[in-house]
C-alpha atoms as a PDB file:
ATOM      1  CA  MET A   1      14.841 -93.046  22.825  1.00  0.00           C
ATOM      2  CA  HIS A   2      16.395 -95.220  19.679  1.00  0.00           C
ATOM      3  CA  SER A   3      15.814 -92.942  16.645  1.00  0.00           C
ATOM      4  CA  LYS A   4      18.425 -92.734  14.294  1.00  0.00           C
ATOM      5  CA  ALA A   5      19.525 -89.430  15.202  1.00  0.00           C
ATOM      6  CA  ALA A   6      20.185 -90.613  18.898  1.00  0.00           C
ATOM      7  CA  ILE A   7      21.878 -93.133  18.094  1.00  0.00           C
ATOM      8  CA  VAL A   8      24.204 -91.513  16.085  1.00  0.00           C
ATOM      9  CA  ALA A   9      24.806 -88.815  18.472  1.00  0.00           C
ATOM     10  CA  ARG A  10      25.326 -91.364  21.254  1.00  0.00           C
ATOM     11  CA  VAL A  11      27.692 -92.890  19.016  1.00  0.00           C
ATOM     12  CA  ILE A  12      29.863 -89.712  18.290  1.00  0.00           C
ATOM     13  CA  LEU A  13      29.921 -88.833  22.024  1.00  0.00           C
ATOM     14  CA  GLY A  14      31.039 -92.564  22.793  1.00  0.00           C
ATOM     15  CA  LEU A  15      33.815 -92.178  20.573  1.00  0.00           C
ATOM     16  CA  VAL A  16      34.859 -89.261  21.717  1.00  0.00           C
ATOM     17  CA  PHE A  17      35.134 -89.941  24.913  1.00  0.00           C
ATOM     18  CA  LEU A  18      36.525 -93.494  24.605  1.00  0.00           C
ATOM     19  CA  VAL A  19      39.313 -92.296  22.381  1.00  0.00           C
ATOM     20  CA  PHE A  20      40.356 -88.819  24.277  1.00  0.00           C
ATOM     21  CA  GLY A  21      40.390 -91.550  27.263  1.00  0.00           C
ATOM     22  CA  LEU A  22      42.608 -94.349  25.699  1.00  0.00           C
ATOM     23  CA  ASN A  23      44.628 -91.377  24.349  1.00  0.00           C
ATOM     24  CA  GLY A  24      45.167 -90.105  28.382  1.00  0.00           C
ATOM     25  CA  PHE A  25      46.644 -93.369  28.599  1.00  0.00           C
ATOM     26  CA  LEU A  26      48.345 -94.397  25.149  1.00  0.00           C
ATOM     27  CA  HIS A  27      49.555 -90.892  23.964  1.00  0.00           C
ATOM     28  CA  PHE A  28      48.599 -91.954  20.408  1.00  0.00           C
ATOM     29  CA  ILE A  29      46.927 -88.602  19.698  1.00  0.00           C
ATOM     30  CA  PRO A  30      50.350 -85.687  20.563  1.00  0.00           C
ATOM     31  CA  GLN A  31      48.934 -82.840  22.146  1.00  0.00           C
ATOM     32  CA  SER A  32      50.916 -79.407  22.722  1.00  0.00           C
ATOM     33  CA  PRO A  33      50.819 -77.894  26.335  1.00  0.00           C
ATOM     34  CA  MET A  34      47.545 -75.318  26.948  1.00  0.00           C
ATOM     35  CA  PRO A  35      48.893 -72.010  27.224  1.00  0.00           C
ATOM     36  CA  GLY A  36      48.892 -69.517  29.767  1.00  0.00           C
ATOM     37  CA  ARG A  37      45.964 -69.686  33.015  1.00  0.00           C
ATOM     38  CA  ALA A  38      44.573 -72.849  31.451  1.00  0.00           C
ATOM     39  CA  GLY A  39      48.199 -74.298  31.382  1.00  0.00           C
ATOM     40  CA  GLU A  40      48.487 -73.815  34.879  1.00  0.00           C
ATOM     41  CA  LEU A  41      45.292 -74.935  35.595  1.00  0.00           C
ATOM     42  CA  VAL A  42      45.643 -78.497  33.775  1.00  0.00           C
ATOM     43  CA  GLY A  43      49.328 -78.695  35.674  1.00  0.00           C
ATOM     44  CA  GLY A  44      47.539 -77.708  38.736  1.00  0.00           C
ATOM     45  CA  LEU A  45      45.392 -81.020  38.444  1.00  0.00           C
ATOM     46  CA  PHE A  46      48.228 -83.237  36.988  1.00  0.00           C
ATOM     47  CA  SER A  47      50.468 -82.298  39.848  1.00  0.00           C
ATOM     48  CA  ALA A  48      47.676 -83.922  42.008  1.00  0.00           C
ATOM     49  CA  GLY A  49      48.653 -87.407  40.323  1.00  0.00           C
ATOM     50  CA  TYR A  50      45.047 -89.015  40.792  1.00  0.00           C
ATOM     51  CA  VAL A  51      42.716 -86.387  38.815  1.00  0.00           C
ATOM     52  CA  PHE A  52      43.785 -87.298  35.479  1.00  0.00           C
ATOM     53  CA  PRO A  53      43.510 -91.283  35.880  1.00  0.00           C
ATOM     54  CA  LEU A  54      40.678 -90.993  37.332  1.00  0.00           C
ATOM     55  CA  LEU A  55      39.210 -88.537  34.160  1.00  0.00           C
ATOM     56  CA  PHE A  56      40.197 -91.095  31.655  1.00  0.00           C
ATOM     57  CA  VAL A  57      39.201 -94.272  33.599  1.00  0.00           C
ATOM     58  CA  ILE A  58      35.714 -92.252  33.500  1.00  0.00           C
ATOM     59  CA  TYR A  59      36.216 -91.285  29.985  1.00  0.00           C
ATOM     60  CA  ILE A  60      36.286 -94.764  28.987  1.00  0.00           C
ATOM     61  CA  ALA A  61      33.677 -96.365  31.013  1.00  0.00           C
ATOM     62  CA  SER A  62      31.678 -93.233  29.754  1.00  0.00           C
ATOM     63  CA  GLY A  63      32.420 -94.154  26.484  1.00  0.00           C
ATOM     64  CA  VAL A  64      31.940 -97.583  26.207  1.00  0.00           C
ATOM     65  CA  ALA A  65      27.995 -97.016  28.023  1.00  0.00           C
ATOM     66  CA  LEU A  66      27.149 -94.771  25.165  1.00  0.00           C
ATOM     67  CA  LEU A  67      28.902 -97.120  22.454  1.00  0.00           C
ATOM     68  CA  SER A  68      27.161 -99.797  23.524  1.00  0.00           C
ATOM     69  CA  GLY A  69      23.714 -98.297  24.380  1.00  0.00           C
ATOM     70  CA  ARG A  70      23.679 -99.765  27.907  1.00  0.00           C
ATOM     71  CA  PHE A  71      23.629 -97.238  31.046  1.00  0.00           C
ATOM     72  CA  VAL A  72      23.298 -94.307  28.782  1.00  0.00           C
ATOM     73  CA  PRO A  73      21.541 -92.168  30.965  1.00  0.00           C
ATOM     74  CA  LEU A  74      24.232 -92.903  33.923  1.00  0.00           C
ATOM     75  CA  ALA A  75      26.896 -91.927  31.374  1.00  0.00           C
ATOM     76  CA  LEU A  76      24.910 -88.920  30.510  1.00  0.00           C
ATOM     77  CA  VAL A  77      24.561 -88.070  34.088  1.00  0.00           C
ATOM     78  CA  VAL A  78      28.285 -89.074  34.673  1.00  0.00           C
ATOM     79  CA  LEU A  79      29.450 -87.090  31.783  1.00  0.00           C
ATOM     80  CA  ALA A  80      27.537 -83.997  32.508  1.00  0.00           C
ATOM     81  CA  PRO A  81      29.895 -82.153  35.029  1.00  0.00           C
ATOM     82  CA  ILE A  82      32.799 -82.842  33.158  1.00  0.00           C
ATOM     83  CA  ILE A  83      31.669 -81.500  29.949  1.00  0.00           C
ATOM     84  CA  VAL A  84      30.431 -77.936  31.674  1.00  0.00           C
ATOM     85  CA  ASN A  85      33.913 -78.001  32.551  1.00  0.00           C
ATOM     86  CA  ILE A  86      35.763 -78.809  29.055  1.00  0.00           C
ATOM     87  CA  VAL A  87      33.283 -76.384  28.012  1.00  0.00           C
ATOM     88  CA  ALA A  88      34.220 -73.322  30.557  1.00  0.00           C
ATOM     89  CA  ILE A  89      37.538 -74.254  30.512  1.00  0.00           C
ATOM     90  CA  HIS A  90      37.896 -73.631  26.427  1.00  0.00           C
ATOM     91  CA  LEU A  91      35.041 -70.650  26.731  1.00  0.00           C
ATOM     92  CA  PHE A  92      37.409 -68.599  29.962  1.00  0.00           C
ATOM     93  CA  LEU A  93      40.865 -70.248  29.062  1.00  0.00           C
ATOM     94  CA  ALA A  94      41.487 -71.858  25.796  1.00  0.00           C
ATOM     95  CA  PRO A  95      39.243 -71.228  23.528  1.00  0.00           C
ATOM     96  CA  SER A  96      40.804 -72.643  20.937  1.00  0.00           C
ATOM     97  CA  GLY A  97      39.122 -75.566  21.520  1.00  0.00           C
ATOM     98  CA  ILE A  98      35.629 -74.728  21.731  1.00  0.00           C
ATOM     99  CA  PRO A  99      34.351 -76.031  18.414  1.00  0.00           C
ATOM    100  CA  LEU A 100      34.632 -79.728  20.360  1.00  0.00           C
ATOM    101  CA  ALA A 101      33.465 -78.616  23.327  1.00  0.00           C
ATOM    102  CA  VAL A 102      30.492 -77.132  22.045  1.00  0.00           C
ATOM    103  CA  LEU A 103      29.788 -80.570  19.790  1.00  0.00           C
ATOM    104  CA  VAL A 104      30.189 -82.418  22.818  1.00  0.00           C
ATOM    105  CA  LEU A 105      27.824 -80.222  24.657  1.00  0.00           C
ATOM    106  CA  GLY A 106      24.987 -79.895  21.988  1.00  0.00           C
ATOM    107  CA  LEU A 107      25.360 -84.008  21.860  1.00  0.00           C
ATOM    108  CA  GLU A 108      25.152 -84.523  25.574  1.00  0.00           C
ATOM    109  CA  ILE A 109      22.203 -82.008  25.493  1.00  0.00           C
ATOM    110  CA  PHE A 110      20.333 -83.878  23.032  1.00  0.00           C
ATOM    111  CA  LEU A 111      20.917 -87.211  24.050  1.00  0.00           C
ATOM    112  CA  ALA A 112      19.982 -86.038  27.601  1.00  0.00           C
ATOM    113  CA  TRP A 113      16.634 -84.845  25.982  1.00  0.00           C
ATOM    114  CA  THR A 114      16.349 -88.488  23.924  1.00  0.00           C
ATOM    115  CA  TYR A 115      16.396 -89.892  27.296  1.00  0.00           C
ATOM    116  CA  ARG A 116      14.701 -87.549  29.726  1.00  0.00           C
ATOM    117  CA  ALA A 117      12.105 -90.510  30.499  1.00  0.00           C
ATOM    118  CA  ALA A 118      14.936 -92.170  32.346  1.00  0.00           C
ATOM    119  CA  PHE A 119      15.558 -88.671  34.739  1.00  0.00           C
ATOM    120  CA  ARG A 120      11.823 -87.721  35.011  1.00  0.00           C
ATOM    121  CA  SER A 121      12.406 -89.682  38.782  1.00  0.00           C
ATOM    122  CA  VAL A 122      15.352 -87.779  39.991  1.00  0.00           C
ATOM    123  CA  LEU A 123      13.667 -84.537  39.003  1.00  0.00           C
ATOM    124  CA  MET A 124      10.138 -84.267  40.793  1.00  0.00           C
ATOM    125  CA  ALA A 125      10.149 -82.028  43.657  1.00  0.00           C
ATOM    126  CA  LYS A 126       8.406 -84.460  46.048  1.00  0.00           C
ATOM    127  CA  PRO A 127       8.922 -87.975  45.249  1.00  0.00           C
ATOM    128  CA  ALA A 128       6.538 -90.708  46.280  1.00  0.00           C
END
């Protein structure tokens, strides 16, 4: 589980989520509004008031877990549905961001495979 490739993938994925999570609160990376339906979706989520702060806290906590190497399987499980939505949004609504989304998806899949032993018990059809 601790190959150099896995460590590099874990650190890159951790940095991506830590940086974007911190950016959600500190706004050090300027971001232009998303166009069209993607903008409508983001606007609706933003207007709820709690979605993005919660999401950014999850980004930060997961990024720290990945960077520290502690609770990595938990971070991967928590990030999986978020990454699926990031990819779907960029695939269907905002294609300009697809390269980073695909990179993040690839890192997630690679790390999930690397840590597959940690998921064995939850993937059993009939647990003991």
